[in-house]
Amino acid sequence: MKRIIILFGFSILMITESFAQTSSEKGNNKTISKDQILGTWAAEGQQNATFVIQKNKIFYPDQNASYKYDLSNDHIKIKYDGFDGEYIVIKQSADTLVFLGNEKQVYYRFKK
């Protein structure tokens, strides 16, 4: 009986630790401010700007289109035409921005 209780306790501990690790990988749980993400960003490996984050919208130069967004804590919701994109935002450095959604998207501050 003692073994069963110990094994049960150990199982609960492992599940809790696994959940905590998965949660931390999904987001940094840090509040990101608009001031931290304002600017021009290029996707990893790209020579041209992918988008420009402005105070109330994101502008995509290749599409010549702007979309409103909402930033809350470490989540951004972009209101595209026909759907809303939702991502966890991670600022790895002043010049590196990561969006986590269905896939990881890495952007670098675009410097001319």
PDB file of N, CA and C in Angstrom:
ATOM      1  N   MET A   1       0.821  -1.195   0.000  1.00  0.00           N
ATOM      2  CA  MET A   1       0.000   0.000   0.000  1.00  0.00           C
ATOM      3  C   MET A   1       0.863   1.257   0.000  1.00  0.00           C
ATOM      4  N   LYS A   2       1.941   1.206   0.792  1.00  0.00           N
ATOM      5  CA  LYS A   2       2.860   2.335   0.866  1.00  0.00           C
ATOM      6  C   LYS A   2       3.470   2.619  -0.514  1.00  0.00           C
ATOM      7  N   ARG A   3       3.804   1.558  -1.249  1.00  0.00           N
ATOM      8  CA  ARG A   3       4.386   1.700  -2.586  1.00  0.00           C
ATOM      9  C   ARG A   3       3.406   2.394  -3.540  1.00  0.00           C
ATOM     10  N   ILE A   4       2.157   2.023  -3.460  1.00  0.00           N
ATOM     11  CA  ILE A   4       1.135   2.598  -4.337  1.00  0.00           C
ATOM     12  C   ILE A   4       1.008   4.097  -4.063  1.00  0.00           C
ATOM     13  N   ILE A   5       0.998   4.466  -2.795  1.00  0.00           N
ATOM     14  CA  ILE A   5       0.895   5.889  -2.438  1.00  0.00           C
ATOM     15  C   ILE A   5       2.116   6.648  -2.946  1.00  0.00           C
ATOM     16  N   ILE A   6       3.297   6.084  -2.781  1.00  0.00           N
ATOM     17  CA  ILE A   6       4.526   6.734  -3.254  1.00  0.00           C
ATOM     18  C   ILE A   6       4.506   6.861  -4.781  1.00  0.00           C
ATOM     19  N   LEU A   7       4.126   5.796  -5.479  1.00  0.00           N
ATOM     20  CA  LEU A   7       4.049   5.851  -6.936  1.00  0.00           C
ATOM     21  C   LEU A   7       3.011   6.859  -7.412  1.00  0.00           C
ATOM     22  N   PHE A   8       1.884   6.909  -6.717  1.00  0.00           N
ATOM     23  CA  PHE A   8       0.841   7.865  -7.071  1.00  0.00           C
ATOM     24  C   PHE A   8       1.355   9.292  -6.879  1.00  0.00           C
ATOM     25  N   GLY A   9       2.006   9.547  -5.756  1.00  0.00           N
ATOM     26  CA  GLY A   9       2.568  10.875  -5.479  1.00  0.00           C
ATOM     27  C   GLY A   9       3.618  11.263  -6.517  1.00  0.00           C
ATOM     28  N   PHE A  10       4.471  10.315  -6.865  1.00  0.00           N
ATOM     29  CA  PHE A  10       5.506  10.561  -7.869  1.00  0.00           C
ATOM     30  C   PHE A  10       4.879  10.876  -9.230  1.00  0.00           C
ATOM     31  N   SER A  11       3.828  10.150  -9.584  1.00  0.00           N
ATOM     32  CA  SER A  11       3.130  10.382 -10.856  1.00  0.00           C
ATOM     33  C   SER A  11       2.536  11.786 -10.903  1.00  0.00           C
ATOM     34  N   ILE A  12       1.900  12.205  -9.819  1.00  0.00           N
ATOM     35  CA  ILE A  12       1.322  13.550  -9.750  1.00  0.00           C
ATOM     36  C   ILE A  12       2.420  14.595  -9.902  1.00  0.00           C
ATOM     37  N   LEU A  13       3.540  14.407  -9.244  1.00  0.00           N
ATOM     38  CA  LEU A  13       4.665  15.333  -9.331  1.00  0.00           C
ATOM     39  C   LEU A  13       5.175  15.445 -10.765  1.00  0.00           C
ATOM     40  N   MET A  14       5.326  14.326 -11.450  1.00  0.00           N
ATOM     41  CA  MET A  14       5.818  14.323 -12.830  1.00  0.00           C
ATOM     42  C   MET A  14       4.831  15.021 -13.769  1.00  0.00           C
ATOM     43  N   ILE A  15       3.545  14.775 -13.589  1.00  0.00           N
ATOM     44  CA  ILE A  15       2.527  15.405 -14.430  1.00  0.00           C
ATOM     45  C   ILE A  15       2.531  16.911 -14.206  1.00  0.00           C
ATOM     46  N   THR A  16       2.614  17.345 -12.954  1.00  0.00           N
ATOM     47  CA  THR A  16       2.636  18.769 -12.629  1.00  0.00           C
ATOM     48  C   THR A  16       3.858  19.446 -13.233  1.00  0.00           C
ATOM     49  N   GLU A  17       5.022  18.831 -13.115  1.00  0.00           N
ATOM     50  CA  GLU A  17       6.244  19.404 -13.669  1.00  0.00           C
ATOM     51  C   GLU A  17       6.184  19.465 -15.192  1.00  0.00           C
ATOM     52  N   SER A  18       5.652  18.438 -15.817  1.00  0.00           N
ATOM     53  CA  SER A  18       5.509  18.414 -17.273  1.00  0.00           C
ATOM     54  C   SER A  18       4.579  19.529 -17.737  1.00  0.00           C
ATOM     55  N   PHE A  19       3.475  19.728 -17.028  1.00  0.00           N
ATOM     56  CA  PHE A  19       2.530  20.795 -17.369  1.00  0.00           C
ATOM     57  C   PHE A  19       3.189  22.161 -17.215  1.00  0.00           C
ATOM     58  N   ALA A  20       3.932  22.378 -16.147  1.00  0.00           N
ATOM     59  CA  ALA A  20       4.606  23.660 -15.914  1.00  0.00           C
ATOM     60  C   ALA A  20       5.620  23.941 -17.011  1.00  0.00           C
ATOM     61  N   GLN A  21       6.363  22.930 -17.435  1.00  0.00           N
ATOM     62  CA  GLN A  21       7.355  23.114 -18.483  1.00  0.00           C
ATOM     63  C   GLN A  21       6.678  23.442 -19.810  1.00  0.00           C
ATOM     64  N   THR A  22       5.607  22.737 -20.141  1.00  0.00           N
ATOM     65  CA  THR A  22       4.878  22.998 -21.375  1.00  0.00           C
ATOM     66  C   THR A  22       4.309  24.402 -21.371  1.00  0.00           C
ATOM     67  N   SER A  23       3.765  24.844 -20.250  1.00  0.00           N
ATOM     68  CA  SER A  23       3.203  26.188 -20.152  1.00  0.00           C
ATOM     69  C   SER A  23       4.268  27.240 -20.349  1.00  0.00           C
ATOM     70  N   SER A  24       5.448  27.038 -19.780  1.00  0.00           N
ATOM     71  CA  SER A  24       6.499  28.034 -19.926  1.00  0.00           C
ATOM     72  C   SER A  24       7.047  28.064 -21.343  1.00  0.00           C
ATOM     73  N   GLU A  25       7.022  26.934 -22.057  1.00  0.00           N
ATOM     74  CA  GLU A  25       7.471  26.913 -23.444  1.00  0.00           C
ATOM     75  C   GLU A  25       6.483  27.635 -24.349  1.00  0.00           C
ATOM     76  N   LYS A  26       5.219  27.636 -24.006  1.00  0.00           N
ATOM     77  CA  LYS A  26       4.205  28.266 -24.841  1.00  0.00           C
ATOM     78  C   LYS A  26       4.217  29.776 -24.707  1.00  0.00           C
ATOM     79  N   GLY A  27       4.694  30.308 -23.651  1.00  0.00           N
ATOM     80  CA  GLY A  27       4.704  31.746 -23.473  1.00  0.00           C
ATOM     81  C   GLY A  27       5.607  32.143 -22.335  1.00  0.00           C
ATOM     82  N   ASN A  28       6.016  33.383 -22.359  1.00  0.00           N
ATOM     83  CA  ASN A  28       6.928  33.837 -21.335  1.00  0.00           C
ATOM     84  C   ASN A  28       6.189  34.479 -20.174  1.00  0.00           C
ATOM     85  N   ASN A  29       4.856  34.602 -20.282  1.00  0.00           N
ATOM     86  CA  ASN A  29       4.021  35.173 -19.238  1.00  0.00           C
ATOM     87  C   ASN A  29       4.516  36.542 -18.782  1.00  0.00           C
ATOM     88  N   LYS A  30       5.209  37.265 -19.640  1.00  0.00           N
ATOM     89  CA  LYS A  30       5.655  38.611 -19.341  1.00  0.00           C
ATOM     90  C   LYS A  30       4.786  39.586 -20.121  1.00  0.00           C
ATOM     91  N   THR A  31       4.507  40.704 -19.506  1.00  0.00           N
ATOM     92  CA  THR A  31       3.736  41.726 -20.185  1.00  0.00           C
ATOM     93  C   THR A  31       4.626  42.418 -21.207  1.00  0.00           C
ATOM     94  N   ILE A  32       4.128  42.499 -22.429  1.00  0.00           N
ATOM     95  CA  ILE A  32       4.820  43.182 -23.514  1.00  0.00           C
ATOM     96  C   ILE A  32       4.060  44.477 -23.779  1.00  0.00           C
ATOM     97  N   SER A  33       4.767  45.592 -23.869  1.00  0.00           N
ATOM     98  CA  SER A  33       4.106  46.862 -24.165  1.00  0.00           C
ATOM     99  C   SER A  33       4.214  47.166 -25.657  1.00  0.00           C
ATOM    100  N   LYS A  34       3.300  47.982 -26.139  1.00  0.00           N
ATOM    101  CA  LYS A  34       3.332  48.367 -27.557  1.00  0.00           C
ATOM    102  C   LYS A  34       4.654  49.040 -27.903  1.00  0.00           C
ATOM    103  N   ASP A  35       5.170  49.844 -26.977  1.00  0.00           N
ATOM    104  CA  ASP A  35       6.427  50.540 -27.242  1.00  0.00           C
ATOM    105  C   ASP A  35       7.570  49.572 -27.551  1.00  0.00           C
ATOM    106  N   GLN A  36       7.516  48.379 -26.986  1.00  0.00           N
ATOM    107  CA  GLN A  36       8.576  47.394 -27.203  1.00  0.00           C
ATOM    108  C   GLN A  36       8.525  46.761 -28.587  1.00  0.00           C
ATOM    109  N   ILE A  37       7.357  46.757 -29.207  1.00  0.00           N
ATOM    110  CA  ILE A  37       7.233  46.071 -30.498  1.00  0.00           C
ATOM    111  C   ILE A  37       7.038  47.023 -31.677  1.00  0.00           C
ATOM    112  N   LEU A  38       6.889  48.327 -31.394  1.00  0.00           N
ATOM    113  CA  LEU A  38       6.739  49.286 -32.487  1.00  0.00           C
ATOM    114  C   LEU A  38       7.975  49.254 -33.374  1.00  0.00           C
ATOM    115  N   GLY A  39       7.771  49.336 -34.673  1.00  0.00           N
ATOM    116  CA  GLY A  39       8.898  49.389 -35.588  1.00  0.00           C
ATOM    117  C   GLY A  39       8.698  48.491 -36.794  1.00  0.00           C
ATOM    118  N   THR A  40       9.729  48.397 -37.566  1.00  0.00           N
ATOM    119  CA  THR A  40       9.715  47.623 -38.796  1.00  0.00           C
ATOM    120  C   THR A  40      10.432  46.299 -38.551  1.00  0.00           C
ATOM    121  N   TRP A  41       9.776  45.201 -38.972  1.00  0.00           N
ATOM    122  CA  TRP A  41      10.287  43.856 -38.705  1.00  0.00           C
ATOM    123  C   TRP A  41      10.386  43.051 -39.990  1.00  0.00           C
ATOM    124  N   ALA A  42      11.436  42.248 -40.077  1.00  0.00           N
ATOM    125  CA  ALA A  42      11.642  41.362 -41.228  1.00  0.00           C
ATOM    126  C   ALA A  42      11.669  39.920 -40.732  1.00  0.00           C
ATOM    127  N   ALA A  43      11.068  39.034 -41.513  1.00  0.00           N
ATOM    128  CA  ALA A  43      11.088  37.609 -41.169  1.00  0.00           C
ATOM    129  C   ALA A  43      12.511  37.093 -41.289  1.00  0.00           C
ATOM    130  N   GLU A  44      12.786  36.076 -40.529  1.00  0.00           N
ATOM    131  CA  GLU A  44      14.103  35.450 -40.533  1.00  0.00           C
ATOM    132  C   GLU A  44      14.504  35.088 -41.964  1.00  0.00           C
ATOM    133  N   GLY A  45      15.680  35.545 -42.391  1.00  0.00           N
ATOM    134  CA  GLY A  45      16.192  35.223 -43.713  1.00  0.00           C
ATOM    135  C   GLY A  45      15.701  36.136 -44.835  1.00  0.00           C
ATOM    136  N   GLN A  46      14.856  37.116 -44.523  1.00  0.00           N
ATOM    137  CA  GLN A  46      14.320  38.020 -45.546  1.00  0.00           C
ATOM    138  C   GLN A  46      15.127  39.316 -45.615  1.00  0.00           C
ATOM    139  N   GLN A  47      15.235  39.870 -46.813  1.00  0.00           N
ATOM    140  CA  GLN A  47      15.964  41.119 -47.023  1.00  0.00           C
ATOM    141  C   GLN A  47      15.068  42.343 -46.908  1.00  0.00           C
ATOM    142  N   ASN A  48      13.746  42.147 -47.064  1.00  0.00           N
ATOM    143  CA  ASN A  48      12.797  43.258 -47.028  1.00  0.00           C
ATOM    144  C   ASN A  48      11.922  43.171 -45.786  1.00  0.00           C
ATOM    145  N   ALA A  49      11.321  44.301 -45.435  1.00  0.00           N
ATOM    146  CA  ALA A  49      10.439  44.353 -44.275  1.00  0.00           C
ATOM    147  C   ALA A  49       9.216  43.472 -44.494  1.00  0.00           C
ATOM    148  N   THR A  50       8.839  42.722 -43.481  1.00  0.00           N
ATOM    149  CA  THR A  50       7.648  41.879 -43.535  1.00  0.00           C
ATOM    150  C   THR A  50       6.435  42.676 -43.086  1.00  0.00           C
ATOM    151  N   PHE A  51       6.583  43.428 -41.995  1.00  0.00           N
ATOM    152  CA  PHE A  51       5.500  44.275 -41.502  1.00  0.00           C
ATOM    153  C   PHE A  51       6.063  45.411 -40.664  1.00  0.00           C
ATOM    154  N   VAL A  52       5.203  46.421 -40.467  1.00  0.00           N
ATOM    155  CA  VAL A  52       5.539  47.565 -39.630  1.00  0.00           C
ATOM    156  C   VAL A  52       4.473  47.636 -38.547  1.00  0.00           C
ATOM    157  N   ILE A  53       4.890  47.533 -37.290  1.00  0.00           N
ATOM    158  CA  ILE A  53       3.934  47.645 -36.190  1.00  0.00           C
ATOM    159  C   ILE A  53       3.864  49.109 -35.784  1.00  0.00           C
ATOM    160  N   GLN A  54       2.671  49.656 -35.930  1.00  0.00           N
ATOM    161  CA  GLN A  54       2.405  51.036 -35.554  1.00  0.00           C
ATOM    162  C   GLN A  54       1.557  51.025 -34.292  1.00  0.00           C
ATOM    163  N   LYS A  55       1.216  52.187 -33.785  1.00  0.00           N
ATOM    164  CA  LYS A  55       0.505  52.277 -32.513  1.00  0.00           C
ATOM    165  C   LYS A  55      -0.810  51.494 -32.510  1.00  0.00           C
ATOM    166  N   ASN A  56      -1.597  51.552 -33.594  1.00  0.00           N
ATOM    167  CA  ASN A  56      -2.915  50.918 -33.605  1.00  0.00           C
ATOM    168  C   ASN A  56      -3.118  49.911 -34.731  1.00  0.00           C
ATOM    169  N   LYS A  57      -2.098  49.719 -35.564  1.00  0.00           N
ATOM    170  CA  LYS A  57      -2.264  48.792 -36.674  1.00  0.00           C
ATOM    171  C   LYS A  57      -0.919  48.212 -37.096  1.00  0.00           C
ATOM    172  N   ILE A  58      -1.021  47.133 -37.861  1.00  0.00           N
ATOM    173  CA  ILE A  58       0.163  46.510 -38.453  1.00  0.00           C
ATOM    174  C   ILE A  58       0.033  46.670 -39.959  1.00  0.00           C
ATOM    175  N   PHE A  59       1.074  47.230 -40.569  1.00  0.00           N
ATOM    176  CA  PHE A  59       1.082  47.452 -42.015  1.00  0.00           C
ATOM    177  C   PHE A  59       1.992  46.421 -42.675  1.00  0.00           C
ATOM    178  N   TYR A  60       1.462  45.762 -43.723  1.00  0.00           N
ATOM    179  CA  TYR A  60       2.218  44.781 -44.506  1.00  0.00           C
ATOM    180  C   TYR A  60       2.546  45.410 -45.864  1.00  0.00           C
ATOM    181  N   PRO A  61       3.793  45.845 -46.076  1.00  0.00           N
ATOM    182  CA  PRO A  61       4.162  46.537 -47.319  1.00  0.00           C
ATOM    183  C   PRO A  61       3.898  45.725 -48.595  1.00  0.00           C
ATOM    184  N   ASP A  62       4.171  44.422 -48.587  1.00  0.00           N
ATOM    185  CA  ASP A  62       3.974  43.602 -49.784  1.00  0.00           C
ATOM    186  C   ASP A  62       2.509  43.531 -50.200  1.00  0.00           C
ATOM    187  N   GLN A  63       1.610  43.625 -49.244  1.00  0.00           N
ATOM    188  CA  GLN A  63       0.171  43.563 -49.522  1.00  0.00           C
ATOM    189  C   GLN A  63      -0.451  44.953 -49.612  1.00  0.00           C
ATOM    190  N   ASN A  64       0.320  45.969 -49.194  1.00  0.00           N
ATOM    191  CA  ASN A  64      -0.183  47.336 -49.086  1.00  0.00           C
ATOM    192  C   ASN A  64      -1.486  47.346 -48.272  1.00  0.00           C
ATOM    193  N   ALA A  65      -1.464  46.622 -47.148  1.00  0.00           N
ATOM    194  CA  ALA A  65      -2.653  46.481 -46.311  1.00  0.00           C
ATOM    195  C   ALA A  65      -2.286  46.660 -44.836  1.00  0.00           C
ATOM    196  N   SER A  66      -3.238  47.221 -44.096  1.00  0.00           N
ATOM    197  CA  SER A  66      -3.079  47.408 -42.658  1.00  0.00           C
ATOM    198  C   SER A  66      -4.187  46.669 -41.921  1.00  0.00           C
ATOM    199  N   TYR A  67      -3.852  46.179 -40.736  1.00  0.00           N
ATOM    200  CA  TYR A  67      -4.812  45.456 -39.913  1.00  0.00           C
ATOM    201  C   TYR A  67      -4.694  45.933 -38.473  1.00  0.00           C
ATOM    202  N   LYS A  68      -5.834  46.085 -37.817  1.00  0.00           N
ATOM    203  CA  LYS A  68      -5.839  46.459 -36.408  1.00  0.00           C
ATOM    204  C   LYS A  68      -5.360  45.282 -35.578  1.00  0.00           C
ATOM    205  N   TYR A  69      -4.787  45.607 -34.426  1.00  0.00           N
ATOM    206  CA  TYR A  69      -4.352  44.562 -33.511  1.00  0.00           C
ATOM    207  C   TYR A  69      -4.617  44.983 -32.080  1.00  0.00           C
ATOM    208  N   ASP A  70      -4.640  43.986 -31.208  1.00  0.00           N
ATOM    209  CA  ASP A  70      -4.807  44.218 -29.781  1.00  0.00           C
ATOM    210  C   ASP A  70      -3.701  43.453 -29.068  1.00  0.00           C
ATOM    211  N   LEU A  71      -2.983  44.139 -28.197  1.00  0.00           N
ATOM    212  CA  LEU A  71      -1.902  43.523 -27.435  1.00  0.00           C
ATOM    213  C   LEU A  71      -2.318  43.477 -25.972  1.00  0.00           C
ATOM    214  N   SER A  72      -2.296  42.277 -25.398  1.00  0.00           N
ATOM    215  CA  SER A  72      -2.687  42.098 -24.003  1.00  0.00           C
ATOM    216  C   SER A  72      -1.688  41.165 -23.335  1.00  0.00           C
ATOM    217  N   ASN A  73      -0.975  41.677 -22.353  1.00  0.00           N
ATOM    218  CA  ASN A  73       0.079  40.933 -21.659  1.00  0.00           C
ATOM    219  C   ASN A  73       1.103  40.436 -22.667  1.00  0.00           C
ATOM    220  N   ASP A  74       1.130  39.131 -22.946  1.00  0.00           N
ATOM    221  CA  ASP A  74       2.086  38.584 -23.913  1.00  0.00           C
ATOM    222  C   ASP A  74       1.366  37.965 -25.108  1.00  0.00           C
ATOM    223  N   HIS A  75       0.141  38.435 -25.384  1.00  0.00           N
ATOM    224  CA  HIS A  75      -0.645  37.926 -26.518  1.00  0.00           C
ATOM    225  C   HIS A  75      -1.003  39.057 -27.469  1.00  0.00           C
ATOM    226  N   ILE A  76      -0.918  38.768 -28.757  1.00  0.00           N
ATOM    227  CA  ILE A  76      -1.349  39.731 -29.764  1.00  0.00           C
ATOM    228  C   ILE A  76      -2.443  39.079 -30.605  1.00  0.00           C
ATOM    229  N   LYS A  77      -3.475  39.854 -30.885  1.00  0.00           N
ATOM    230  CA  LYS A  77      -4.575  39.394 -31.720  1.00  0.00           C
ATOM    231  C   LYS A  77      -4.652  40.353 -32.904  1.00  0.00           C
ATOM    232  N   ILE A  78      -4.425  39.827 -34.111  1.00  0.00           N
ATOM    233  CA  ILE A  78      -4.431  40.643 -35.322  1.00  0.00           C
ATOM    234  C   ILE A  78      -5.727  40.358 -36.071  1.00  0.00           C
ATOM    235  N   LYS A  79      -6.469  41.407 -36.377  1.00  0.00           N
ATOM    236  CA  LYS A  79      -7.773  41.270 -37.034  1.00  0.00           C
ATOM    237  C   LYS A  79      -7.600  41.368 -38.552  1.00  0.00           C
ATOM    238  N   TYR A  80      -7.239  40.236 -39.153  1.00  0.00           N
ATOM    239  CA  TYR A  80      -7.094  40.158 -40.603  1.00  0.00           C
ATOM    240  C   TYR A  80      -8.486  40.156 -41.243  1.00  0.00           C
ATOM    241  N   ASP A  81      -8.536  40.314 -42.556  1.00  0.00           N
ATOM    242  CA  ASP A  81      -9.808  40.208 -43.262  1.00  0.00           C
ATOM    243  C   ASP A  81     -10.280  38.754 -43.201  1.00  0.00           C
ATOM    244  N   GLY A  82     -11.380  38.512 -42.531  1.00  0.00           N
ATOM    245  CA  GLY A  82     -11.953  37.177 -42.510  1.00  0.00           C
ATOM    246  C   GLY A  82     -11.544  36.290 -41.351  1.00  0.00           C
ATOM    247  N   PHE A  83     -10.493  36.628 -40.611  1.00  0.00           N
ATOM    248  CA  PHE A  83     -10.111  35.824 -39.442  1.00  0.00           C
ATOM    249  C   PHE A  83      -9.221  36.637 -38.515  1.00  0.00           C
ATOM    250  N   ASP A  84      -9.112  36.156 -37.286  1.00  0.00           N
ATOM    251  CA  ASP A  84      -8.235  36.774 -36.300  1.00  0.00           C
ATOM    252  C   ASP A  84      -7.058  35.851 -36.047  1.00  0.00           C
ATOM    253  N   GLY A  85      -5.852  36.388 -36.185  1.00  0.00           N
ATOM    254  CA  GLY A  85      -4.654  35.632 -35.847  1.00  0.00           C
ATOM    255  C   GLY A  85      -4.295  35.912 -34.397  1.00  0.00           C
ATOM    256  N   GLU A  86      -4.036  34.876 -33.630  1.00  0.00           N
ATOM    257  CA  GLU A  86      -3.676  35.035 -32.221  1.00  0.00           C
ATOM    258  C   GLU A  86      -2.325  34.376 -31.969  1.00  0.00           C
ATOM    259  N   TYR A  87      -1.434  35.137 -31.323  1.00  0.00           N
ATOM    260  CA  TYR A  87      -0.071  34.665 -31.108  1.00  0.00           C
ATOM    261  C   TYR A  87       0.413  35.060 -29.722  1.00  0.00           C
ATOM    262  N   ILE A  88       1.287  34.256 -29.164  1.00  0.00           N
ATOM    263  CA  ILE A  88       2.033  34.631 -27.970  1.00  0.00           C
ATOM    264  C   ILE A  88       3.240  35.418 -28.470  1.00  0.00           C
ATOM    265  N   VAL A  89       3.537  36.521 -27.814  1.00  0.00           N
ATOM    266  CA  VAL A  89       4.642  37.390 -28.220  1.00  0.00           C
ATOM    267  C   VAL A  89       5.793  37.219 -27.237  1.00  0.00           C
ATOM    268  N   ILE A  90       6.963  36.959 -27.779  1.00  0.00           N
ATOM    269  CA  ILE A  90       8.171  36.865 -26.959  1.00  0.00           C
ATOM    270  C   ILE A  90       9.192  37.846 -27.517  1.00  0.00           C
ATOM    271  N   LYS A  91       9.679  38.722 -26.660  1.00  0.00           N
ATOM    272  CA  LYS A  91      10.758  39.634 -27.051  1.00  0.00           C
ATOM    273  C   LYS A  91      12.041  38.995 -26.552  1.00  0.00           C
ATOM    274  N   GLN A  92      12.794  38.360 -27.452  1.00  0.00           N
ATOM    275  CA  GLN A  92      14.035  37.706 -27.042  1.00  0.00           C
ATOM    276  C   GLN A  92      15.138  38.719 -26.805  1.00  0.00           C
ATOM    277  N   SER A  93      15.059  39.840 -27.522  1.00  0.00           N
ATOM    278  CA  SER A  93      15.999  40.940 -27.336  1.00  0.00           C
ATOM    279  C   SER A  93      15.328  42.180 -27.907  1.00  0.00           C
ATOM    280  N   ALA A  94      16.010  43.308 -27.850  1.00  0.00           N
ATOM    281  CA  ALA A  94      15.439  44.545 -28.387  1.00  0.00           C
ATOM    282  C   ALA A  94      15.173  44.427 -29.886  1.00  0.00           C
ATOM    283  N   ASP A  95      15.931  43.562 -30.556  1.00  0.00           N
ATOM    284  CA  ASP A  95      15.829  43.446 -32.009  1.00  0.00           C
ATOM    285  C   ASP A  95      15.298  42.096 -32.488  1.00  0.00           C
ATOM    286  N   THR A  96      14.776  41.269 -31.589  1.00  0.00           N
ATOM    287  CA  THR A  96      14.238  39.961 -31.966  1.00  0.00           C
ATOM    288  C   THR A  96      12.846  39.792 -31.372  1.00  0.00           C
ATOM    289  N   LEU A  97      11.900  39.452 -32.253  1.00  0.00           N
ATOM    290  CA  LEU A  97      10.506  39.283 -31.878  1.00  0.00           C
ATOM    291  C   LEU A  97      10.051  37.903 -32.341  1.00  0.00           C
ATOM    292  N   VAL A  98       9.385  37.171 -31.462  1.00  0.00           N
ATOM    293  CA  VAL A  98       8.903  35.831 -31.801  1.00  0.00           C
ATOM    294  C   VAL A  98       7.391  35.801 -31.611  1.00  0.00           C
ATOM    295  N   PHE A  99       6.684  35.283 -32.613  1.00  0.00           N
ATOM    296  CA  PHE A  99       5.254  35.014 -32.510  1.00  0.00           C
ATOM    297  C   PHE A  99       5.089  33.497 -32.438  1.00  0.00           C
ATOM    298  N   LEU A 100       4.406  33.027 -31.407  1.00  0.00           N
ATOM    299  CA  LEU A 100       4.113  31.602 -31.275  1.00  0.00           C
ATOM    300  C   LEU A 100       2.625  31.388 -31.500  1.00  0.00           C
ATOM    301  N   GLY A 101       2.312  30.608 -32.492  1.00  0.00           N
ATOM    302  CA  GLY A 101       0.937  30.231 -32.787  1.00  0.00           C
ATOM    303  C   GLY A 101       0.972  28.768 -33.167  1.00  0.00           C
ATOM    304  N   ASN A 102       0.449  28.458 -34.345  1.00  0.00           N
ATOM    305  CA  ASN A 102       0.558  27.084 -34.849  1.00  0.00           C
ATOM    306  C   ASN A 102       2.008  26.736 -35.153  1.00  0.00           C
ATOM    307  N   GLU A 103       2.802  27.763 -35.392  1.00  0.00           N
ATOM    308  CA  GLU A 103       4.230  27.579 -35.628  1.00  0.00           C
ATOM    309  C   GLU A 103       4.976  28.756 -35.030  1.00  0.00           C
ATOM    310  N   LYS A 104       6.272  28.623 -34.901  1.00  0.00           N
ATOM    311  CA  LYS A 104       7.117  29.672 -34.355  1.00  0.00           C
ATOM    312  C   LYS A 104       7.587  30.560 -35.506  1.00  0.00           C
ATOM    313  N   GLN A 105       7.348  31.871 -35.369  1.00  0.00           N
ATOM    314  CA  GLN A 105       7.763  32.826 -36.388  1.00  0.00           C
ATOM    315  C   GLN A 105       8.744  33.812 -35.749  1.00  0.00           C
ATOM    316  N   VAL A 106       9.937  33.913 -36.308  1.00  0.00           N
ATOM    317  CA  VAL A 106      10.973  34.777 -35.757  1.00  0.00           C
ATOM    318  C   VAL A 106      11.163  35.973 -36.684  1.00  0.00           C
ATOM    319  N   TYR A 107      11.180  37.156 -36.083  1.00  0.00           N
ATOM    320  CA  TYR A 107      11.364  38.397 -36.834  1.00  0.00           C
ATOM    321  C   TYR A 107      12.495  39.195 -36.211  1.00  0.00           C
ATOM    322  N   TYR A 108      13.194  39.934 -37.072  1.00  0.00           N
ATOM    323  CA  TYR A 108      14.292  40.787 -36.619  1.00  0.00           C
ATOM    324  C   TYR A 108      13.973  42.231 -36.971  1.00  0.00           C
ATOM    325  N   ARG A 109      14.358  43.128 -36.067  1.00  0.00           N
ATOM    326  CA  ARG A 109      14.135  44.547 -36.319  1.00  0.00           C
ATOM    327  C   ARG A 109      14.829  44.902 -37.630  1.00  0.00           C
ATOM    328  N   PHE A 110      14.080  45.485 -38.535  1.00  0.00           N
ATOM    329  CA  PHE A 110      14.589  45.809 -39.860  1.00  0.00           C
ATOM    330  C   PHE A 110      15.370  47.091 -39.791  1.00  0.00           C
ATOM    331  N   LYS A 111      16.596  47.028 -40.249  1.00  0.00           N
ATOM    332  CA  LYS A 111      17.478  48.213 -40.268  1.00  0.00           C
ATOM    333  C   LYS A 111      17.915  48.447 -41.691  1.00  0.00           C
ATOM    334  N   LYS A 112      17.717  49.650 -42.155  1.00  0.00           N
ATOM    335  CA  LYS A 112      18.105  49.985 -43.538  1.00  0.00           C
ATOM    336  C   LYS A 112      19.582  50.213 -43.649  1.00  0.00           C
TER     337      LYS A 112
END
